[in-house]
Amino acid sequence: MSIKLEKAKLSHVKEIQSLIKVSAAEDQMLPRALSEIYEFIRDFVVAVDKDSNKVIGCCALHVLWEDLGEVRSLTVCNSSRNNDIGSKLVRFCLDEALNLGIPRVFALTYVKDFFIKLGFSEISKDELPHKVWSDCVKCHKFPDCDELAVEKYIRIF
């Protein structure tokens, strides 16, 4: 399979939401409203199958503060999993964080081992700033969140 990674466009929004819906239905991630994806489209990168021109994966880097970003909404369609696409999407977001000068990136995840392989470390959610929790209070799982927190420090030159 030949893929290309690119910054998401408005034309990708509905495909992104479809991917997220599938993973959310499998309880692998939280759902995202269509309006939220439109609002944060600049956060997203997509993996596009070069043959079909379909979005087969997505991930977002959301900037929270001058020194903190979040990797969120990472998903790859079931038929394309285990092809390193998820890792490539996260690395794209980490490179973007480096280019922006963000020294610390975190993720809330159900798949901790995936992020550990990419150099993240597990942390307590209590270590995340209260600003982060402003999103959490809107979640249907709050305050009984079962996601794990991981972080990675990025070397800024």
C-alpha atoms as a PDB file:
ATOM      1  CA  MET A   1       0.000   0.000   0.000  1.00  0.00           C
ATOM      2  CA  SER A   2       1.291   3.403  -0.937  1.00  0.00           C
ATOM      3  CA  ILE A   3       0.237   6.318   1.257  1.00  0.00           C
ATOM      4  CA  LYS A   4       0.931  10.004   1.521  1.00  0.00           C
ATOM      5  CA  LEU A   5       0.700  12.107   4.653  1.00  0.00           C
ATOM      6  CA  GLU A   6      -0.639  15.618   4.281  1.00  0.00           C
ATOM      7  CA  LYS A   7      -2.244  18.371   6.298  1.00  0.00           C
ATOM      8  CA  ALA A   8      -5.998  17.873   6.310  1.00  0.00           C
ATOM      9  CA  LYS A   9      -8.253  19.910   4.073  1.00  0.00           C
ATOM     10  CA  LEU A  10     -11.916  20.769   4.461  1.00  0.00           C
ATOM     11  CA  SER A  11     -12.686  18.107   1.862  1.00  0.00           C
ATOM     12  CA  HIS A  12     -11.316  15.495   4.304  1.00  0.00           C
ATOM     13  CA  VAL A  13     -13.587  16.360   7.251  1.00  0.00           C
ATOM     14  CA  LYS A  14     -16.341  13.831   6.623  1.00  0.00           C
ATOM     15  CA  GLU A  15     -13.841  11.031   6.005  1.00  0.00           C
ATOM     16  CA  ILE A  16     -12.036  11.970   9.231  1.00  0.00           C
ATOM     17  CA  GLN A  17     -15.297  11.848  11.153  1.00  0.00           C
ATOM     18  CA  SER A  18     -16.165   8.450   9.633  1.00  0.00           C
ATOM     19  CA  LEU A  19     -12.834   7.016  10.771  1.00  0.00           C
ATOM     20  CA  ILE A  20     -13.260   8.460  14.254  1.00  0.00           C
ATOM     21  CA  LYS A  21     -16.837   7.114  14.499  1.00  0.00           C
ATOM     22  CA  VAL A  22     -15.652   3.569  13.801  1.00  0.00           C
ATOM     23  CA  SER A  23     -12.910   3.731  16.431  1.00  0.00           C
ATOM     24  CA  ALA A  24     -15.240   5.392  18.943  1.00  0.00           C
ATOM     25  CA  ALA A  25     -17.851   2.659  18.381  1.00  0.00           C
ATOM     26  CA  GLU A  26     -15.107   0.114  19.149  1.00  0.00           C
ATOM     27  CA  ASP A  27     -14.420   2.081  22.377  1.00  0.00           C
ATOM     28  CA  GLN A  28     -10.880   2.848  21.224  1.00  0.00           C
ATOM     29  CA  MET A  29     -11.280   6.623  21.347  1.00  0.00           C
ATOM     30  CA  LEU A  30     -13.735   9.367  22.114  1.00  0.00           C
ATOM     31  CA  PRO A  31     -16.094  10.579  19.395  1.00  0.00           C
ATOM     32  CA  ARG A  32     -15.704  14.006  17.750  1.00  0.00           C
ATOM     33  CA  ALA A  33     -18.565  16.131  16.483  1.00  0.00           C
ATOM     34  CA  LEU A  34     -18.433  17.197  12.852  1.00  0.00           C
ATOM     35  CA  SER A  35     -18.428  20.840  13.963  1.00  0.00           C
ATOM     36  CA  GLU A  36     -15.398  20.169  16.172  1.00  0.00           C
ATOM     37  CA  ILE A  37     -13.458  18.621  13.305  1.00  0.00           C
ATOM     38  CA  TYR A  38     -14.235  21.616  11.097  1.00  0.00           C
ATOM     39  CA  GLU A  39     -13.206  23.979  13.897  1.00  0.00           C
ATOM     40  CA  PHE A  40      -9.882  22.219  14.434  1.00  0.00           C
ATOM     41  CA  ILE A  41      -9.150  21.092  10.860  1.00  0.00           C
ATOM     42  CA  ARG A  42      -5.753  22.825  10.973  1.00  0.00           C
ATOM     43  CA  ASP A  43      -4.733  20.450  13.781  1.00  0.00           C
ATOM     44  CA  PHE A  44      -5.188  17.355  11.610  1.00  0.00           C
ATOM     45  CA  VAL A  45      -2.897  15.356   9.377  1.00  0.00           C
ATOM     46  CA  VAL A  46      -4.299  12.578   7.220  1.00  0.00           C
ATOM     47  CA  ALA A  47      -2.917   9.431   5.635  1.00  0.00           C
ATOM     48  CA  VAL A  48      -4.289   9.100   2.107  1.00  0.00           C
ATOM     49  CA  ASP A  49      -4.149   5.916   0.050  1.00  0.00           C
ATOM     50  CA  LYS A  50      -2.508   7.033  -3.199  1.00  0.00           C
ATOM     51  CA  ASP A  51      -4.432   4.486  -5.289  1.00  0.00           C
ATOM     52  CA  SER A  52      -7.954   5.249  -4.079  1.00  0.00           C
ATOM     53  CA  ASN A  53      -7.332   8.799  -2.804  1.00  0.00           C
ATOM     54  CA  LYS A  54      -9.270   7.851   0.361  1.00  0.00           C
ATOM     55  CA  VAL A  55      -8.363   8.964   3.862  1.00  0.00           C
ATOM     56  CA  ILE A  56      -7.295   5.836   5.747  1.00  0.00           C
ATOM     57  CA  GLY A  57      -5.930   7.468   8.893  1.00  0.00           C
ATOM     58  CA  CYS A  58      -5.807  10.700  10.826  1.00  0.00           C
ATOM     59  CA  CYS A  59      -4.192  12.320  13.813  1.00  0.00           C
ATOM     60  CA  ALA A  60      -4.216  15.811  15.288  1.00  0.00           C
ATOM     61  CA  LEU A  61      -1.740  17.995  17.149  1.00  0.00           C
ATOM     62  CA  HIS A  62      -3.678  20.431  19.290  1.00  0.00           C
ATOM     63  CA  VAL A  63      -1.683  23.337  20.754  1.00  0.00           C
ATOM     64  CA  LEU A  64      -2.757  24.030  24.331  1.00  0.00           C
ATOM     65  CA  TRP A  65      -0.155  26.492  25.515  1.00  0.00           C
ATOM     66  CA  GLU A  66       3.296  27.796  24.637  1.00  0.00           C
ATOM     67  CA  ASP A  67       4.931  24.672  26.028  1.00  0.00           C
ATOM     68  CA  LEU A  68       2.282  21.985  25.631  1.00  0.00           C
ATOM     69  CA  GLY A  69       0.553  20.157  22.793  1.00  0.00           C
ATOM     70  CA  GLU A  70      -1.744  17.168  22.637  1.00  0.00           C
ATOM     71  CA  VAL A  71      -1.744  14.320  20.131  1.00  0.00           C
ATOM     72  CA  ARG A  72      -5.401  13.416  19.695  1.00  0.00           C
ATOM     73  CA  SER A  73      -7.888  11.710  17.397  1.00  0.00           C
ATOM     74  CA  LEU A  74      -5.398   9.125  16.148  1.00  0.00           C
ATOM     75  CA  THR A  75      -7.061   6.396  14.139  1.00  0.00           C
ATOM     76  CA  VAL A  76      -6.394   4.192  11.124  1.00  0.00           C
ATOM     77  CA  CYS A  77      -9.062   2.230   9.245  1.00  0.00           C
ATOM     78  CA  ASN A  78      -9.223  -1.422  10.255  1.00  0.00           C
ATOM     79  CA  SER A  79      -8.034  -2.745   6.882  1.00  0.00           C
ATOM     80  CA  SER A  80      -4.868  -0.618   7.037  1.00  0.00           C
ATOM     81  CA  ARG A  81      -3.796  -1.243  10.618  1.00  0.00           C
ATOM     82  CA  ASN A  82      -0.461  -2.894  11.380  1.00  0.00           C
ATOM     83  CA  ASN A  83       1.178  -1.068   8.463  1.00  0.00           C
ATOM     84  CA  ASP A  84       2.973   1.530  10.629  1.00  0.00           C
ATOM     85  CA  ILE A  85       0.539   4.242   9.483  1.00  0.00           C
ATOM     86  CA  GLY A  86      -0.389   5.233  13.039  1.00  0.00           C
ATOM     87  CA  SER A  87       3.284   5.637  13.946  1.00  0.00           C
ATOM     88  CA  LYS A  88       3.887   7.772  10.869  1.00  0.00           C
ATOM     89  CA  LEU A  89       0.931  10.003  11.746  1.00  0.00           C
ATOM     90  CA  VAL A  90       2.172  10.522  15.313  1.00  0.00           C
ATOM     91  CA  ARG A  91       5.721  11.220  14.090  1.00  0.00           C
ATOM     92  CA  PHE A  92       4.300  13.819  11.684  1.00  0.00           C
ATOM     93  CA  CYS A  93       2.604  15.520  14.643  1.00  0.00           C
ATOM     94  CA  LEU A  94       5.794  15.333  16.727  1.00  0.00           C
ATOM     95  CA  ASP A  95       7.772  16.935  13.889  1.00  0.00           C
ATOM     96  CA  GLU A  96       5.154  19.652  13.698  1.00  0.00           C
ATOM     97  CA  ALA A  97       5.448  20.213  17.465  1.00  0.00           C
ATOM     98  CA  LEU A  98       9.221  20.494  17.080  1.00  0.00           C
ATOM     99  CA  ASN A  99       8.832  23.027  14.243  1.00  0.00           C
ATOM    100  CA  LEU A 100       6.397  25.052  16.346  1.00  0.00           C
ATOM    101  CA  GLY A 101       8.765  24.973  19.334  1.00  0.00           C
ATOM    102  CA  ILE A 102       6.481  22.933  21.602  1.00  0.00           C
ATOM    103  CA  PRO A 103       8.723  21.074  24.059  1.00  0.00           C
ATOM    104  CA  ARG A 104       6.133  18.741  25.626  1.00  0.00           C
ATOM    105  CA  VAL A 105       3.428  16.659  23.975  1.00  0.00           C
ATOM    106  CA  PHE A 106       0.953  14.380  25.689  1.00  0.00           C
ATOM    107  CA  ALA A 107      -1.853  12.035  24.724  1.00  0.00           C
ATOM    108  CA  LEU A 108      -4.757  10.445  26.529  1.00  0.00           C
ATOM    109  CA  THR A 109      -5.073   6.910  25.230  1.00  0.00           C
ATOM    110  CA  TYR A 110      -6.430   3.412  25.644  1.00  0.00           C
ATOM    111  CA  VAL A 111      -3.373   2.016  23.807  1.00  0.00           C
ATOM    112  CA  LYS A 112      -0.471   2.987  26.059  1.00  0.00           C
ATOM    113  CA  ASP A 113       2.015   0.483  24.601  1.00  0.00           C
ATOM    114  CA  PHE A 114       1.695   2.021  21.122  1.00  0.00           C
ATOM    115  CA  PHE A 115       2.846   5.395  22.477  1.00  0.00           C
ATOM    116  CA  ILE A 116       5.559   3.864  24.686  1.00  0.00           C
ATOM    117  CA  LYS A 117       7.133   2.378  21.513  1.00  0.00           C
ATOM    118  CA  LEU A 118       7.266   5.933  20.120  1.00  0.00           C
ATOM    119  CA  GLY A 119       9.207   7.229  23.127  1.00  0.00           C
ATOM    120  CA  PHE A 120       6.331   8.446  25.294  1.00  0.00           C
ATOM    121  CA  SER A 121       6.240   7.740  29.037  1.00  0.00           C
ATOM    122  CA  GLU A 122       3.202   7.056  31.157  1.00  0.00           C
ATOM    123  CA  ILE A 123       2.307   9.839  33.594  1.00  0.00           C
ATOM    124  CA  SER A 124      -0.457  10.523  36.057  1.00  0.00           C
ATOM    125  CA  LYS A 125      -3.301  12.602  34.632  1.00  0.00           C
ATOM    126  CA  ASP A 126      -2.842  14.760  37.729  1.00  0.00           C
ATOM    127  CA  GLU A 127       0.402  16.044  36.153  1.00  0.00           C
ATOM    128  CA  LEU A 128      -1.510  17.650  33.301  1.00  0.00           C
ATOM    129  CA  PRO A 129      -2.401  21.325  33.690  1.00  0.00           C
ATOM    130  CA  HIS A 130      -5.930  22.275  34.659  1.00  0.00           C
ATOM    131  CA  LYS A 131      -6.288  23.895  31.231  1.00  0.00           C
ATOM    132  CA  VAL A 132      -6.325  20.374  29.781  1.00  0.00           C
ATOM    133  CA  TRP A 133      -9.210  19.419  32.029  1.00  0.00           C
ATOM    134  CA  SER A 134     -11.392  22.106  30.442  1.00  0.00           C
ATOM    135  CA  ASP A 135     -11.894  19.600  27.593  1.00  0.00           C
ATOM    136  CA  CYS A 136     -12.360  16.705  29.994  1.00  0.00           C
ATOM    137  CA  VAL A 137     -15.340  18.223  31.803  1.00  0.00           C
ATOM    138  CA  LYS A 138     -17.241  18.118  28.485  1.00  0.00           C
ATOM    139  CA  CYS A 139     -16.655  14.374  28.104  1.00  0.00           C
ATOM    140  CA  HIS A 140     -19.378  11.839  28.879  1.00  0.00           C
ATOM    141  CA  LYS A 141     -16.832   9.805  30.878  1.00  0.00           C
ATOM    142  CA  PHE A 142     -15.941  12.672  33.228  1.00  0.00           C
ATOM    143  CA  PRO A 143     -14.979  12.318  36.059  1.00  0.00           C
ATOM    144  CA  ASP A 144     -14.473   8.558  35.687  1.00  0.00           C
ATOM    145  CA  CYS A 145     -12.018   8.702  32.808  1.00  0.00           C
ATOM    146  CA  ASP A 146     -10.416   5.379  31.951  1.00  0.00           C
ATOM    147  CA  GLU A 147      -7.849   6.717  29.478  1.00  0.00           C
ATOM    148  CA  LEU A 148      -4.165   6.694  30.376  1.00  0.00           C
ATOM    149  CA  ALA A 149      -1.903   9.717  30.040  1.00  0.00           C
ATOM    150  CA  VAL A 150       1.440   9.589  28.235  1.00  0.00           C
ATOM    151  CA  GLU A 151       3.910  12.350  27.442  1.00  0.00           C
ATOM    152  CA  LYS A 152       7.007  12.967  25.409  1.00  0.00           C
ATOM    153  CA  TYR A 153       9.524  15.760  25.721  1.00  0.00           C
ATOM    154  CA  ILE A 154      10.815  17.014  22.414  1.00  0.00           C
ATOM    155  CA  ARG A 155      14.302  18.387  22.098  1.00  0.00           C
ATOM    156  CA  ILE A 156      14.094  22.002  20.993  1.00  0.00           C
ATOM    157  CA  PHE A 157      17.282  23.505  19.581  1.00  0.00           C
END
